[in-house]
N, C-alpha and C. Protein backbone atom coordinates (compact mmCIF):
# COMPACT_ATOMS: atom_id res chain seq x y z
N UNK A 1 -11.03 17.86 17.79
CA UNK A 1 -11.53 17.66 19.11
C UNK A 1 -13.05 17.60 19.03
N UNK A 2 -13.64 16.75 19.82
CA UNK A 2 -15.09 16.61 19.84
C UNK A 2 -15.54 16.45 21.28
N UNK A 3 -16.66 17.04 21.60
CA UNK A 3 -17.25 16.88 22.93
C UNK A 3 -18.73 16.71 22.76
N UNK A 4 -19.31 15.84 23.55
CA UNK A 4 -20.74 15.62 23.46
C UNK A 4 -21.14 14.39 24.23
N UNK A 5 -22.45 14.16 24.32
CA UNK A 5 -22.92 13.03 25.11
C UNK A 5 -22.61 11.67 24.47
N UNK A 6 -22.71 11.56 23.16
CA UNK A 6 -22.47 10.28 22.51
C UNK A 6 -21.81 10.54 21.16
N UNK A 7 -20.79 9.79 20.88
CA UNK A 7 -20.15 9.87 19.57
C UNK A 7 -20.23 8.53 18.88
N UNK A 8 -20.45 8.54 17.60
CA UNK A 8 -20.53 7.29 16.82
C UNK A 8 -19.63 7.41 15.61
N UNK A 9 -19.09 6.29 15.21
CA UNK A 9 -18.24 6.26 14.02
C UNK A 9 -18.40 4.90 13.36
N UNK A 10 -18.54 4.92 12.06
CA UNK A 10 -18.60 3.68 11.29
C UNK A 10 -17.69 3.84 10.09
N UNK A 11 -17.08 2.73 9.69
CA UNK A 11 -16.23 2.78 8.51
C UNK A 11 -16.26 1.44 7.80
N UNK A 12 -15.96 1.48 6.52
CA UNK A 12 -15.87 0.27 5.71
C UNK A 12 -14.62 0.37 4.86
N UNK A 13 -13.82 -0.67 4.86
CA UNK A 13 -12.58 -0.71 4.10
C UNK A 13 -12.48 -2.07 3.43
N UNK A 14 -11.44 -2.23 2.66
CA UNK A 14 -11.17 -3.51 2.02
C UNK A 14 -9.67 -3.72 1.96
N UNK A 15 -9.27 -4.92 1.54
CA UNK A 15 -7.85 -5.19 1.41
C UNK A 15 -7.39 -4.82 0.00
N UNK A 16 -6.11 -5.03 -0.27
CA UNK A 16 -5.53 -4.58 -1.54
C UNK A 16 -6.13 -5.31 -2.75
N UNK A 17 -6.63 -6.54 -2.57
CA UNK A 17 -7.20 -7.27 -3.70
C UNK A 17 -8.70 -7.06 -3.81
N UNK A 18 -9.27 -6.21 -2.99
CA UNK A 18 -10.69 -5.88 -2.99
C UNK A 18 -11.57 -7.11 -2.75
N UNK A 19 -11.09 -8.06 -1.98
CA UNK A 19 -11.85 -9.27 -1.71
C UNK A 19 -12.38 -9.35 -0.28
N UNK A 20 -11.76 -8.65 0.65
CA UNK A 20 -12.15 -8.76 2.05
C UNK A 20 -12.82 -7.48 2.52
N UNK A 21 -13.94 -7.63 3.19
CA UNK A 21 -14.60 -6.47 3.76
C UNK A 21 -14.14 -6.30 5.21
N UNK A 22 -13.83 -5.09 5.56
CA UNK A 22 -13.43 -4.76 6.92
C UNK A 22 -14.41 -3.70 7.40
N UNK A 23 -15.27 -4.06 8.33
CA UNK A 23 -16.27 -3.14 8.84
C UNK A 23 -15.98 -2.84 10.30
N UNK A 24 -16.19 -1.60 10.70
CA UNK A 24 -16.01 -1.27 12.10
C UNK A 24 -17.06 -0.26 12.54
N UNK A 25 -17.42 -0.32 13.81
CA UNK A 25 -18.39 0.60 14.40
C UNK A 25 -17.96 0.85 15.83
N UNK A 26 -18.04 2.08 16.25
CA UNK A 26 -17.70 2.37 17.64
C UNK A 26 -18.66 3.41 18.20
N UNK A 27 -18.84 3.37 19.49
CA UNK A 27 -19.71 4.32 20.19
C UNK A 27 -18.99 4.73 21.47
N UNK A 28 -18.98 6.01 21.73
CA UNK A 28 -18.25 6.51 22.91
C UNK A 28 -19.06 7.60 23.59
N UNK A 29 -18.82 7.75 24.88
CA UNK A 29 -19.45 8.80 25.66
C UNK A 29 -18.36 9.65 26.29
N UNK A 30 -18.66 10.90 26.47
CA UNK A 30 -17.72 11.75 27.17
C UNK A 30 -16.93 12.65 26.23
N UNK A 31 -15.74 12.96 26.64
CA UNK A 31 -14.89 13.90 25.94
C UNK A 31 -13.79 13.14 25.20
N UNK A 32 -13.53 13.54 23.99
CA UNK A 32 -12.48 12.91 23.20
C UNK A 32 -11.59 13.99 22.62
N UNK A 33 -10.32 13.77 22.68
CA UNK A 33 -9.36 14.66 22.02
C UNK A 33 -8.30 13.77 21.38
N UNK A 34 -7.99 14.04 20.15
CA UNK A 34 -6.98 13.21 19.49
C UNK A 34 -6.56 13.81 18.17
N UNK A 35 -5.60 13.18 17.57
CA UNK A 35 -5.08 13.62 16.29
C UNK A 35 -5.02 12.41 15.38
N UNK A 36 -5.40 12.58 14.15
CA UNK A 36 -5.30 11.52 13.17
C UNK A 36 -4.47 12.04 12.00
N UNK A 37 -3.36 11.41 11.77
CA UNK A 37 -2.49 11.76 10.65
C UNK A 37 -2.48 10.58 9.70
N UNK A 38 -2.90 10.81 8.48
CA UNK A 38 -2.92 9.74 7.50
C UNK A 38 -2.18 10.19 6.26
N UNK A 39 -1.56 9.26 5.62
CA UNK A 39 -0.84 9.56 4.40
C UNK A 39 0.36 8.65 4.27
N UNK A 40 0.92 8.66 3.11
CA UNK A 40 2.10 7.85 2.88
C UNK A 40 2.90 8.43 1.72
N UNK A 41 4.11 8.02 1.64
CA UNK A 41 4.95 8.42 0.52
C UNK A 41 5.65 7.17 0.00
N UNK A 42 5.94 7.19 -1.25
CA UNK A 42 6.72 6.12 -1.86
C UNK A 42 7.95 6.77 -2.45
N UNK A 43 9.09 6.29 -2.01
CA UNK A 43 10.36 6.86 -2.47
C UNK A 43 11.28 5.74 -2.91
N UNK A 44 12.02 5.95 -3.96
CA UNK A 44 12.96 4.91 -4.41
C UNK A 44 14.12 4.77 -3.44
N UNK A 45 14.60 3.56 -3.31
CA UNK A 45 15.80 3.30 -2.53
C UNK A 45 16.92 2.98 -3.52
N UNK A 46 17.60 4.03 -3.94
CA UNK A 46 18.60 3.88 -4.99
C UNK A 46 19.73 2.93 -4.62
N UNK A 47 20.10 2.90 -3.35
CA UNK A 47 21.15 1.98 -2.91
C UNK A 47 20.74 0.53 -3.08
N UNK A 48 19.51 0.19 -2.68
CA UNK A 48 19.03 -1.18 -2.85
C UNK A 48 18.82 -1.51 -4.32
N UNK A 49 18.33 -0.55 -5.11
CA UNK A 49 18.19 -0.80 -6.55
C UNK A 49 19.54 -1.17 -7.16
N UNK A 50 20.57 -0.46 -6.76
CA UNK A 50 21.91 -0.74 -7.29
C UNK A 50 22.37 -2.14 -6.88
N UNK A 51 22.10 -2.54 -5.64
CA UNK A 51 22.50 -3.87 -5.18
C UNK A 51 21.72 -4.98 -5.90
N UNK A 52 20.43 -4.77 -6.12
CA UNK A 52 19.60 -5.81 -6.76
C UNK A 52 19.87 -5.90 -8.25
N UNK A 53 19.98 -4.76 -8.93
CA UNK A 53 20.14 -4.76 -10.38
C UNK A 53 21.60 -4.76 -10.83
N UNK A 54 22.52 -4.56 -9.88
CA UNK A 54 23.93 -4.61 -10.22
C UNK A 54 24.47 -3.36 -10.88
N UNK A 55 23.67 -2.34 -10.99
CA UNK A 55 24.11 -1.08 -11.59
C UNK A 55 23.15 0.03 -11.13
N UNK A 56 23.62 1.26 -11.32
CA UNK A 56 22.77 2.40 -10.98
C UNK A 56 21.70 2.53 -12.06
N UNK A 57 20.44 2.46 -11.64
CA UNK A 57 19.33 2.54 -12.58
C UNK A 57 18.18 3.27 -11.91
N UNK A 58 17.61 4.26 -12.55
CA UNK A 58 16.53 5.03 -11.93
C UNK A 58 15.27 4.18 -11.72
N UNK A 59 14.58 4.40 -10.63
CA UNK A 59 13.35 3.67 -10.34
C UNK A 59 12.33 3.86 -11.45
N UNK A 60 12.26 5.03 -12.02
CA UNK A 60 11.31 5.29 -13.12
C UNK A 60 11.55 4.33 -14.28
N UNK A 61 12.81 4.08 -14.59
CA UNK A 61 13.14 3.16 -15.69
C UNK A 61 12.75 1.73 -15.32
N UNK A 62 12.99 1.33 -14.08
CA UNK A 62 12.65 -0.03 -13.63
C UNK A 62 11.14 -0.26 -13.75
N UNK A 63 10.36 0.70 -13.31
CA UNK A 63 8.91 0.53 -13.23
C UNK A 63 8.20 0.79 -14.55
N UNK A 64 8.60 1.82 -15.26
CA UNK A 64 7.80 2.27 -16.41
C UNK A 64 8.32 1.87 -17.78
N UNK A 65 9.59 1.59 -17.93
CA UNK A 65 10.13 1.39 -19.27
C UNK A 65 9.75 0.05 -19.89
N UNK A 66 9.64 -0.98 -19.07
CA UNK A 66 9.37 -2.31 -19.59
C UNK A 66 10.58 -2.95 -20.24
N UNK A 67 11.72 -2.32 -20.14
CA UNK A 67 12.94 -2.85 -20.77
C UNK A 67 13.93 -3.42 -19.77
N UNK A 68 13.66 -3.26 -18.48
CA UNK A 68 14.58 -3.74 -17.46
C UNK A 68 14.17 -5.16 -17.06
N UNK A 69 15.09 -6.10 -17.20
CA UNK A 69 14.80 -7.50 -16.87
C UNK A 69 14.65 -7.67 -15.36
N UNK A 70 13.79 -8.60 -14.97
CA UNK A 70 13.60 -8.92 -13.55
C UNK A 70 14.85 -9.63 -13.06
N UNK A 71 15.48 -9.13 -11.99
CA UNK A 71 16.69 -9.77 -11.49
C UNK A 71 16.33 -11.12 -10.83
N UNK A 72 17.26 -12.05 -10.81
CA UNK A 72 16.99 -13.36 -10.20
C UNK A 72 16.49 -13.26 -8.76
N UNK A 73 16.99 -12.29 -8.00
CA UNK A 73 16.59 -12.14 -6.61
C UNK A 73 15.11 -11.82 -6.45
N UNK A 74 14.48 -11.27 -7.49
CA UNK A 74 13.08 -10.88 -7.40
C UNK A 74 12.14 -11.82 -8.15
N UNK A 75 12.68 -12.85 -8.78
CA UNK A 75 11.88 -13.75 -9.59
C UNK A 75 10.70 -14.37 -8.87
N UNK A 76 10.92 -14.92 -7.68
CA UNK A 76 9.84 -15.57 -6.94
C UNK A 76 8.78 -14.55 -6.52
N UNK A 77 9.20 -13.37 -6.08
CA UNK A 77 8.23 -12.35 -5.67
C UNK A 77 7.37 -11.91 -6.86
N UNK A 78 7.97 -11.66 -8.01
CA UNK A 78 7.22 -11.24 -9.19
C UNK A 78 6.26 -12.33 -9.63
N UNK A 79 6.70 -13.57 -9.58
CA UNK A 79 5.84 -14.69 -9.94
C UNK A 79 4.62 -14.78 -9.03
N UNK A 80 4.82 -14.61 -7.72
CA UNK A 80 3.71 -14.63 -6.76
C UNK A 80 2.76 -13.47 -7.00
N UNK A 81 3.30 -12.27 -7.21
CA UNK A 81 2.44 -11.11 -7.48
C UNK A 81 1.64 -11.29 -8.76
N UNK A 82 2.27 -11.80 -9.81
CA UNK A 82 1.56 -12.03 -11.07
C UNK A 82 0.43 -13.03 -10.90
N UNK A 83 0.66 -14.07 -10.10
CA UNK A 83 -0.35 -15.11 -9.91
C UNK A 83 -1.52 -14.64 -9.06
N UNK A 84 -1.29 -13.71 -8.14
CA UNK A 84 -2.33 -13.30 -7.20
C UNK A 84 -2.95 -11.94 -7.47
N UNK A 85 -2.47 -11.24 -8.47
CA UNK A 85 -2.99 -9.92 -8.78
C UNK A 85 -4.13 -10.05 -9.77
N UNK A 86 -5.28 -9.42 -9.48
CA UNK A 86 -6.39 -9.49 -10.43
C UNK A 86 -5.99 -8.88 -11.77
N UNK A 87 -6.39 -9.53 -12.82
CA UNK A 87 -6.08 -9.03 -14.16
C UNK A 87 -7.21 -8.13 -14.63
N UNK A 88 -6.86 -7.00 -15.19
CA UNK A 88 -7.85 -6.07 -15.73
C UNK A 88 -8.16 -6.48 -17.15
N UNK A 89 -9.43 -6.67 -17.42
CA UNK A 89 -9.85 -7.06 -18.77
C UNK A 89 -10.57 -5.90 -19.42
N UNK A 90 -10.30 -5.67 -20.74
CA UNK A 90 -10.96 -4.55 -21.43
C UNK A 90 -12.44 -4.78 -21.59
């Protein structure tokens, strides 16, 4: 909660590819009360993994092992991500 004659806020963000700048500035007068909850979780969807890969397979194995073949249903998505994701060079 904040109270006062003038409040100011500025922020700078970017998109996932670090190419777009998102700038914002706001100014307010009076009384403000609010709540900001930020955060996220990533959880595997084992049912969908089973449908896509045709068998029960842990998400850890899909992501980290490098031994699980890309299923045909995901081929176009993986190709697009590979083409548009910045490559890290040593």
